[in-house]
Amino acid sequence: MIEPSLDTIVHKVDSKYTLVVLAAKRAREILNGDSPLVDCKSNKPVTIALQELAKNRITFERTKSGIK
């Protein structure tokens, strides 16, 4: 089972698609050497990114050309 639950995280963003883009973008940053913003049992970048979203450590801003 995915932890944190996607049902709880999807309410923090405006759509499921935004959630996917944010998690993927942050996971790439972690893979490229950024340090995680939360302590997580897992070492998988996507799981760490989802934990960061769940704990409000990362945010997003909707622009006309995409997500910042």
Protein backbone atom coordinates (compact mmCIF):
# COMPACT_ATOMS: atom_id res chain seq x y z
CA MET A 1 0.00 0.00 0.00
CA ILE A 2 1.20 3.49 -0.83
CA GLU A 3 2.07 5.63 2.16
CA PRO A 4 0.89 8.38 2.37
CA SER A 5 -2.48 7.61 0.85
CA LEU A 6 -3.10 9.30 -2.47
CA ASP A 7 -6.63 10.14 -1.33
CA THR A 8 -5.23 12.42 1.37
CA ILE A 9 -2.63 14.08 -0.87
CA VAL A 10 -4.92 14.81 -3.84
CA HIS A 11 -6.86 17.28 -1.67
CA LYS A 12 -3.72 19.41 -1.30
CA VAL A 13 -3.57 20.10 -5.05
CA ASP A 14 -6.13 21.07 -7.67
CA SER A 15 -6.10 17.79 -9.64
CA LYS A 16 -4.58 14.33 -9.91
CA TYR A 17 -2.53 15.51 -12.86
CA THR A 18 -0.95 18.29 -10.83
CA LEU A 19 -0.08 15.73 -8.17
CA VAL A 20 1.67 13.53 -10.71
CA VAL A 21 3.64 16.42 -12.21
CA LEU A 22 4.70 17.74 -8.79
CA ALA A 23 5.79 14.33 -7.53
CA ALA A 24 7.71 13.55 -10.72
CA LYS A 25 9.42 16.94 -10.79
CA ARG A 26 10.46 16.72 -7.13
CA ALA A 27 11.59 13.09 -7.53
CA ARG A 28 13.88 14.18 -10.40
CA GLU A 29 15.33 16.92 -8.18
CA ILE A 30 16.04 14.35 -5.45
CA LEU A 31 17.68 12.02 -7.98
CA ASN A 32 19.87 14.91 -9.16
CA GLY A 33 21.21 15.50 -5.65
CA ASP A 34 18.73 17.67 -3.73
CA SER A 35 18.40 16.59 -0.14
CA PRO A 36 14.98 15.39 1.07
CA LEU A 37 12.92 17.85 3.12
CA VAL A 38 11.46 15.13 5.37
CA ASP A 39 12.72 12.02 7.13
CA CYS A 40 11.36 9.01 5.30
CA LYS A 41 11.81 5.27 5.81
CA SER A 42 11.97 4.72 2.07
CA ASN A 43 14.85 5.70 -0.17
CA LYS A 44 12.68 5.87 -3.30
CA PRO A 45 12.50 9.41 -4.73
CA VAL A 46 8.78 9.29 -5.61
CA THR A 47 7.85 8.13 -2.11
CA ILE A 48 9.97 10.89 -0.59
CA ALA A 49 8.32 13.45 -2.87
CA LEU A 50 4.85 12.25 -1.86
CA GLN A 51 5.82 12.47 1.82
CA GLU A 52 7.00 16.04 1.26
CA LEU A 53 3.68 16.90 -0.37
CA ALA A 54 1.73 15.30 2.47
CA LYS A 55 3.67 17.32 5.07
CA ASN A 56 3.31 20.59 3.10
CA ARG A 57 7.08 20.93 2.57
CA ILE A 58 6.66 21.66 -1.14
CA THR A 59 4.11 23.86 -2.85
CA PHE A 60 3.21 24.79 -6.39
CA GLU A 61 2.17 27.84 -8.34
CA ARG A 62 -0.06 27.52 -11.39
CA THR A 63 1.10 29.64 -14.32
CA LYS A 64 -0.17 29.94 -17.89
CA SER A 65 2.75 27.91 -19.24
CA GLY A 66 2.87 25.19 -16.59
CA ILE A 67 3.75 24.57 -12.95
CA LYS A 68 6.59 26.31 -11.13
